[in-house]
C-alpha atoms as a PDB file:
ATOM      1  CA  ALA A   1      22.037   4.791   9.231  1.00  0.00           C
ATOM      2  CA  VAL A   2      21.006   3.325  12.580  1.00  0.00           C
ATOM      3  CA  VAL A   3      19.125   6.475  13.575  1.00  0.00           C
ATOM      4  CA  LEU A   4      17.317   6.575  10.229  1.00  0.00           C
ATOM      5  CA  PHE A   5      16.401   2.909  10.625  1.00  0.00           C
ATOM      6  CA  PHE A   6      14.804   3.463  14.030  1.00  0.00           C
ATOM      7  CA  VAL A   7      13.046   6.678  12.990  1.00  0.00           C
ATOM      8  CA  LEU A   8      11.475   5.046   9.925  1.00  0.00           C
ATOM      9  CA  MET A   9      10.500   1.911  11.853  1.00  0.00           C
ATOM     10  CA  SER A  10       8.814   4.171  14.427  1.00  0.00           C
ATOM     11  CA  VAL A  11       6.922   5.974  11.663  1.00  0.00           C
ATOM     12  CA  VAL A  12       5.770   2.639  10.223  1.00  0.00           C
ATOM     13  CA  GLY A  13       4.645   1.515  13.671  1.00  0.00           C
ATOM     14  CA  MET A  14       2.618   4.694  14.184  1.00  0.00           C
ATOM     15  CA  LEU A  15       1.013   4.381  10.747  1.00  0.00           C
ATOM     16  CA  GLU A  16       0.040   0.777  11.427  1.00  0.00           C
ATOM     17  CA  GLY A  17      -1.401   1.750  14.802  1.00  0.00           C
ATOM     18  CA  MET A  18      -3.396   4.554  13.201  1.00  0.00           C
ATOM     19  CA  GLN A  19      -4.874   2.123  10.696  1.00  0.00           C
ATOM     20  CA  ILE A  20      -6.054  -0.193  13.451  1.00  0.00           C
ATOM     21  CA  ALA A  21      -7.436   2.710  15.503  1.00  0.00           C
ATOM     22  CA  PHE A  22      -9.278   4.293  12.572  1.00  0.00           C
ATOM     23  CA  PHE A  23     -10.944   1.023  11.598  1.00  0.00           C
ATOM     24  CA  ALA A  24     -11.974   0.521  15.226  1.00  0.00           C
ATOM     25  CA  VAL A  25     -13.431   4.051  15.393  1.00  0.00           C
ATOM     26  CA  THR A  26     -15.587   3.471  12.317  1.00  0.00           C
ATOM     27  CA  LYS A  27     -17.622   0.936  14.309  1.00  0.00           C
ATOM     28  CA  ILE A  28     -18.277   3.343  17.199  1.00  0.00           C
ATOM     29  CA  LYS A  29     -21.245   5.712  17.209  1.00  0.00           C
ATOM     30  CA  LYS A  30     -20.416   9.409  16.956  1.00  0.00           C
ATOM     31  CA  GLU A  31     -21.704  10.186  20.447  1.00  0.00           C
ATOM     32  CA  ASP A  32     -19.616   7.360  21.975  1.00  0.00           C
ATOM     33  CA  ARG A  33     -16.265   8.489  20.530  1.00  0.00           C
ATOM     34  CA  GLY A  34     -15.293  10.577  23.539  1.00  0.00           C
ATOM     35  CA  ASP A  35     -14.865  14.248  24.272  1.00  0.00           C
ATOM     36  CA  LYS A  36     -11.133  14.916  23.940  1.00  0.00           C
ATOM     37  CA  LYS A  37     -10.181  17.793  21.628  1.00  0.00           C
ATOM     38  CA  PHE A  38      -7.682  15.992  19.375  1.00  0.00           C
ATOM     39  CA  ALA A  39      -9.820  12.856  19.142  1.00  0.00           C
ATOM     40  CA  LYS A  40     -12.789  14.931  17.983  1.00  0.00           C
ATOM     41  CA  MET A  41     -10.694  16.890  15.478  1.00  0.00           C
ATOM     42  CA  THR A  42      -9.219  13.694  14.050  1.00  0.00           C
ATOM     43  CA  CYS A  43     -12.617  12.030  13.699  1.00  0.00           C
ATOM     44  CA  GLU A  44     -14.139  15.129  12.100  1.00  0.00           C
ATOM     45  CA  LEU A  45     -11.324  15.255   9.555  1.00  0.00           C
ATOM     46  CA  LEU A  46     -11.397  11.506   8.946  1.00  0.00           C
ATOM     47  CA  PHE A  47     -15.158  11.236   8.389  1.00  0.00           C
ATOM     48  CA  LYS A  48     -15.597  14.569   6.575  1.00  0.00           C
ATOM     49  CA  GLY A  49     -17.440  14.361   3.263  1.00  0.00           C
ATOM     50  CA  LYS A  50     -19.461  11.230   4.070  1.00  0.00           C
ATOM     51  CA  GLY A  51     -16.360   9.306   5.138  1.00  0.00           C
ATOM     52  CA  ARG A  52     -14.421   9.743   1.914  1.00  0.00           C
ATOM     53  CA  ASN A  53     -11.239  10.802   3.710  1.00  0.00           C
ATOM     54  CA  LEU A  54     -10.741   7.380   5.297  1.00  0.00           C
ATOM     55  CA  PRO A  55      -9.980   5.524   2.027  1.00  0.00           C
ATOM     56  CA  GLY A  56      -7.739   8.385   0.940  1.00  0.00           C
ATOM     57  CA  PHE A  57      -5.839   8.182   4.201  1.00  0.00           C
ATOM     58  CA  MET A  58      -5.450   4.416   3.832  1.00  0.00           C
ATOM     59  CA  ILE A  59      -3.995   4.756   0.339  1.00  0.00           C
ATOM     60  CA  GLY A  60      -1.602   7.469   1.456  1.00  0.00           C
ATOM     61  CA  ARG A  61      -0.651   5.431   4.526  1.00  0.00           C
ATOM     62  CA  GLN A  62       0.152   2.417   2.403  1.00  0.00           C
ATOM     63  CA  LEU A  63       2.314   4.450   0.041  1.00  0.00           C
ATOM     64  CA  SER A  64       4.152   5.918   3.031  1.00  0.00           C
ATOM     65  CA  VAL A  65       4.749   2.478   4.535  1.00  0.00           C
ATOM     66  CA  VAL A  66       6.078   1.119   1.237  1.00  0.00           C
ATOM     67  CA  THR A  67       8.400   4.116   0.844  1.00  0.00           C
ATOM     68  CA  CYS A  68       9.678   3.714   4.407  1.00  0.00           C
ATOM     69  CA  PHE A  69      10.433   0.046   3.826  1.00  0.00           C
ATOM     70  CA  PHE A  70      12.270   0.774   0.571  1.00  0.00           C
ATOM     71  CA  VAL A  71      14.444   3.313   2.379  1.00  0.00           C
ATOM     72  CA  ILE A  72      14.967   0.905   5.292  1.00  0.00           C
ATOM     73  CA  ALA A  73      16.026  -1.797   2.836  1.00  0.00           C
ATOM     74  CA  ARG A  74      18.565   0.557   1.248  1.00  0.00           C
ATOM     75  CA  VAL A  75      19.899   1.627   4.644  1.00  0.00           C
ATOM     76  CA  THR A  76      20.327  -1.930   5.917  1.00  0.00           C
ATOM     77  CA  THR A  77      21.839  -3.402   2.754  1.00  0.00           C
ATOM     78  CA  LEU A  78      25.440  -4.559   3.049  1.00  0.00           C
ATOM     79  CA  SER A  79      28.006  -4.379   0.275  1.00  0.00           C
ATOM     80  CA  ILE A  80      30.327  -7.342   0.646  1.00  0.00           C
ATOM     81  CA  ALA A  81      33.010  -8.044  -1.951  1.00  0.00           C
ATOM     82  CA  GLU A  82      32.969 -11.547  -3.391  1.00  0.00           C
ATOM     83  CA  GLY A  83      35.874 -13.843  -2.723  1.00  0.00           C
END
C-alpha cells in the first residue's frame, strides 16, 4: 500500500508538472523552443493539428489525476471498529 501510494503520488506530480510546462511552452515561439530531440518530438505531437492535441491531453491528464486520487484515497483509508 505504501509503495502504491508513493508511485501514484509521483505520477500525479509528473502530470501536474507537465501541465505547467505545456502551458509555458504555448507562449514560446516555435524557433525559440530549443533543439533537443525529445523536446521537439513532444512539441510536434502536442501542437499537431493546429494545437488540438493540447486540450485533449489536458482532459486526459485530469481524468488520470482524479483516478490516481481515488485509488490513493482507497489505499490510505483505515477501517477502525467502533467502540
